[in-house]
Amino acid sequence: MTSAEKSEEAATPPPREAVNRAAGFVGEHGGSARAVVENLGRAGARIVLIGQDGAFGDMMVSDVTTGRSVVDAVDGLTDSEWDNETTSALRIDPEHRRRMGRTRG
């Protein structure tokens, strides 16, 4: 990341609602969490949260820079990638797996 990109990222104020949701997630799931910020192009960016207890959640923001500013603003939230350590921390319960496997019709 260039110094200009870092300056732009630091200058982007995080949306209060996103910060509050992320902080609430951290508090409800063990006091710390990982965050993976995914670029979705024109749709914005997705912040995937993985709690210390393995629970996960997500939220949408306008872009990756905003997503990273949310992560930086929340104590206990660590910027992560989809590496082995992060995916191993994720726990998907059987009910969620059933819901994901249902067909719509």
C-alpha atoms as a PDB file:
ATOM      1  CA  MET A   1       0.000   0.000   0.000  1.00  0.00           C
ATOM      2  CA  THR A   2       1.394   3.405  -0.946  1.00  0.00           C
ATOM      3  CA  SER A   3       1.614   6.280   1.513  1.00  0.00           C
ATOM      4  CA  ALA A   4      -1.100   8.109  -0.465  1.00  0.00           C
ATOM      5  CA  GLU A   5      -3.428   5.116  -0.067  1.00  0.00           C
ATOM      6  CA  LYS A   6      -2.659   4.964   3.664  1.00  0.00           C
ATOM      7  CA  SER A   7      -3.445   8.678   4.012  1.00  0.00           C
ATOM      8  CA  GLU A   8      -6.723   8.241   2.126  1.00  0.00           C
ATOM      9  CA  GLU A   9      -7.617   5.221   4.260  1.00  0.00           C
ATOM     10  CA  ALA A  10      -6.844   7.081   7.487  1.00  0.00           C
ATOM     11  CA  ALA A  11      -8.975  10.028   6.345  1.00  0.00           C
ATOM     12  CA  THR A  12     -12.080   7.900   5.743  1.00  0.00           C
ATOM     13  CA  PRO A  13     -14.307   8.108   8.817  1.00  0.00           C
ATOM     14  CA  PRO A  14     -16.004   4.785   9.517  1.00  0.00           C
ATOM     15  CA  PRO A  15     -19.820   4.726   9.500  1.00  0.00           C
ATOM     16  CA  ARG A  16     -21.033   4.805  13.100  1.00  0.00           C
ATOM     17  CA  GLU A  17     -23.676   2.096  12.494  1.00  0.00           C
ATOM     18  CA  ALA A  18     -21.067  -0.315  11.092  1.00  0.00           C
ATOM     19  CA  VAL A  19     -18.669   0.378  13.967  1.00  0.00           C
ATOM     20  CA  ASN A  20     -21.459  -0.198  16.512  1.00  0.00           C
ATOM     21  CA  ARG A  21     -22.517  -3.465  14.844  1.00  0.00           C
ATOM     22  CA  ALA A  22     -18.935  -4.732  14.668  1.00  0.00           C
ATOM     23  CA  ALA A  23     -18.221  -3.738  18.283  1.00  0.00           C
ATOM     24  CA  GLY A  24     -21.427  -5.468  19.388  1.00  0.00           C
ATOM     25  CA  PHE A  25     -20.389  -8.623  17.533  1.00  0.00           C
ATOM     26  CA  VAL A  26     -16.977  -8.592  19.218  1.00  0.00           C
ATOM     27  CA  GLY A  27     -18.587  -8.188  22.635  1.00  0.00           C
ATOM     28  CA  GLU A  28     -21.115 -10.963  22.055  1.00  0.00           C
ATOM     29  CA  HIS A  29     -18.600 -13.485  20.715  1.00  0.00           C
ATOM     30  CA  GLY A  30     -15.719 -13.616  23.138  1.00  0.00           C
ATOM     31  CA  GLY A  31     -14.197 -10.127  23.196  1.00  0.00           C
ATOM     32  CA  SER A  32     -12.146 -10.467  20.036  1.00  0.00           C
ATOM     33  CA  ALA A  33     -12.805 -11.267  16.396  1.00  0.00           C
ATOM     34  CA  ARG A  34     -11.203 -11.447  12.974  1.00  0.00           C
ATOM     35  CA  ALA A  35     -12.453  -9.372  10.063  1.00  0.00           C
ATOM     36  CA  VAL A  36     -12.005 -10.163   6.380  1.00  0.00           C
ATOM     37  CA  VAL A  37     -12.813  -7.224   4.096  1.00  0.00           C
ATOM     38  CA  GLU A  38     -13.858  -8.434   0.644  1.00  0.00           C
ATOM     39  CA  ASN A  39     -14.099  -6.186  -2.413  1.00  0.00           C
ATOM     40  CA  LEU A  40     -17.416  -6.757  -4.205  1.00  0.00           C
ATOM     41  CA  GLY A  41     -16.850  -4.198  -6.957  1.00  0.00           C
ATOM     42  CA  ARG A  42     -19.728  -1.802  -7.594  1.00  0.00           C
ATOM     43  CA  ALA A  43     -21.757  -3.406  -4.806  1.00  0.00           C
ATOM     44  CA  GLY A  44     -19.214  -2.202  -2.231  1.00  0.00           C
ATOM     45  CA  ALA A  45     -17.360  -4.335   0.270  1.00  0.00           C
ATOM     46  CA  ARG A  46     -18.338  -7.090   2.654  1.00  0.00           C
ATOM     47  CA  ILE A  47     -16.862  -7.333   6.133  1.00  0.00           C
ATOM     48  CA  VAL A  48     -16.984 -10.935   7.362  1.00  0.00           C
ATOM     49  CA  LEU A  49     -16.584 -11.199  11.136  1.00  0.00           C
ATOM     50  CA  ILE A  50     -15.383 -14.392  12.850  1.00  0.00           C
ATOM     51  CA  GLY A  51     -15.720 -14.277  16.624  1.00  0.00           C
ATOM     52  CA  GLN A  52     -13.390 -15.808  19.167  1.00  0.00           C
ATOM     53  CA  ASP A  53     -16.091 -18.452  19.701  1.00  0.00           C
ATOM     54  CA  GLY A  54     -16.179 -19.323  15.972  1.00  0.00           C
ATOM     55  CA  ALA A  55     -19.480 -17.568  15.234  1.00  0.00           C
ATOM     56  CA  PHE A  56     -19.624 -15.464  12.093  1.00  0.00           C
ATOM     57  CA  GLY A  57     -21.551 -12.543  10.730  1.00  0.00           C
ATOM     58  CA  ASP A  58     -21.191  -9.999   7.994  1.00  0.00           C
ATOM     59  CA  MET A  59     -22.096  -6.505   6.928  1.00  0.00           C
ATOM     60  CA  MET A  60     -21.857  -4.400   3.803  1.00  0.00           C
ATOM     61  CA  VAL A  61     -20.087  -1.063   3.476  1.00  0.00           C
ATOM     62  CA  SER A  62     -19.534   1.249   0.518  1.00  0.00           C
ATOM     63  CA  ASP A  63     -15.946   0.207  -0.291  1.00  0.00           C
ATOM     64  CA  VAL A  64     -12.823  -1.572   0.968  1.00  0.00           C
ATOM     65  CA  THR A  65     -11.319   1.609   2.428  1.00  0.00           C
ATOM     66  CA  THR A  66     -14.443   2.125   4.526  1.00  0.00           C
ATOM     67  CA  GLY A  67     -14.346  -1.524   5.574  1.00  0.00           C
ATOM     68  CA  ARG A  68     -10.761  -1.219   6.762  1.00  0.00           C
ATOM     69  CA  SER A  69     -11.611   1.970   8.668  1.00  0.00           C
ATOM     70  CA  VAL A  70     -14.378   0.057  10.489  1.00  0.00           C
ATOM     71  CA  VAL A  71     -11.928  -2.695  11.427  1.00  0.00           C
ATOM     72  CA  ASP A  72      -9.397  -0.124  12.674  1.00  0.00           C
ATOM     73  CA  ALA A  73     -12.047   1.637  14.783  1.00  0.00           C
ATOM     74  CA  VAL A  74     -13.136  -1.431  16.783  1.00  0.00           C
ATOM     75  CA  ASP A  75     -11.090  -2.646  19.751  1.00  0.00           C
ATOM     76  CA  GLY A  76     -10.585  -6.393  19.630  1.00  0.00           C
ATOM     77  CA  LEU A  77     -11.142  -6.620  15.857  1.00  0.00           C
ATOM     78  CA  THR A  78      -8.177  -7.838  13.787  1.00  0.00           C
ATOM     79  CA  ASP A  79      -7.835  -7.387  10.029  1.00  0.00           C
ATOM     80  CA  SER A  80      -7.422 -10.879   8.549  1.00  0.00           C
ATOM     81  CA  GLU A  81      -7.402 -12.791   5.290  1.00  0.00           C
ATOM     82  CA  TRP A  82      -8.923 -16.116   4.294  1.00  0.00           C
ATOM     83  CA  ASP A  83      -5.875 -18.050   5.421  1.00  0.00           C
ATOM     84  CA  ASN A  84      -5.780 -21.415   7.196  1.00  0.00           C
ATOM     85  CA  GLU A  85      -5.815 -19.826  10.645  1.00  0.00           C
ATOM     86  CA  THR A  86      -8.919 -17.743   9.882  1.00  0.00           C
ATOM     87  CA  THR A  87     -10.881 -20.513   8.180  1.00  0.00           C
ATOM     88  CA  SER A  88      -9.992 -22.891  11.031  1.00  0.00           C
ATOM     89  CA  ALA A  89     -11.452 -20.407  13.537  1.00  0.00           C
ATOM     90  CA  LEU A  90     -14.846 -20.470  11.774  1.00  0.00           C
ATOM     91  CA  ARG A  91     -17.540 -22.743  13.243  1.00  0.00           C
ATOM     92  CA  ILE A  92     -20.650 -23.401  11.160  1.00  0.00           C
ATOM     93  CA  ASP A  93     -23.442 -25.083  13.092  1.00  0.00           C
ATOM     94  CA  PRO A  94     -25.562 -27.873  11.563  1.00  0.00           C
ATOM     95  CA  GLU A  95     -28.697 -25.694  11.284  1.00  0.00           C
ATOM     96  CA  HIS A  96     -26.834 -23.102   9.233  1.00  0.00           C
ATOM     97  CA  ARG A  97     -25.491 -25.824   6.951  1.00  0.00           C
ATOM     98  CA  ARG A  98     -29.051 -27.092   6.423  1.00  0.00           C
ATOM     99  CA  ARG A  99     -30.284 -23.589   5.559  1.00  0.00           C
ATOM    100  CA  MET A 100     -27.436 -23.101   3.063  1.00  0.00           C
ATOM    101  CA  GLY A 101     -28.256 -26.421   1.375  1.00  0.00           C
ATOM    102  CA  ARG A 102     -31.968 -25.769   0.848  1.00  0.00           C
ATOM    103  CA  THR A 103     -33.228 -25.103  -2.619  1.00  0.00           C
ATOM    104  CA  ARG A 104     -35.690 -22.323  -3.285  1.00  0.00           C
ATOM    105  CA  GLY A 105     -38.722 -23.146  -5.255  1.00  0.00           C
END
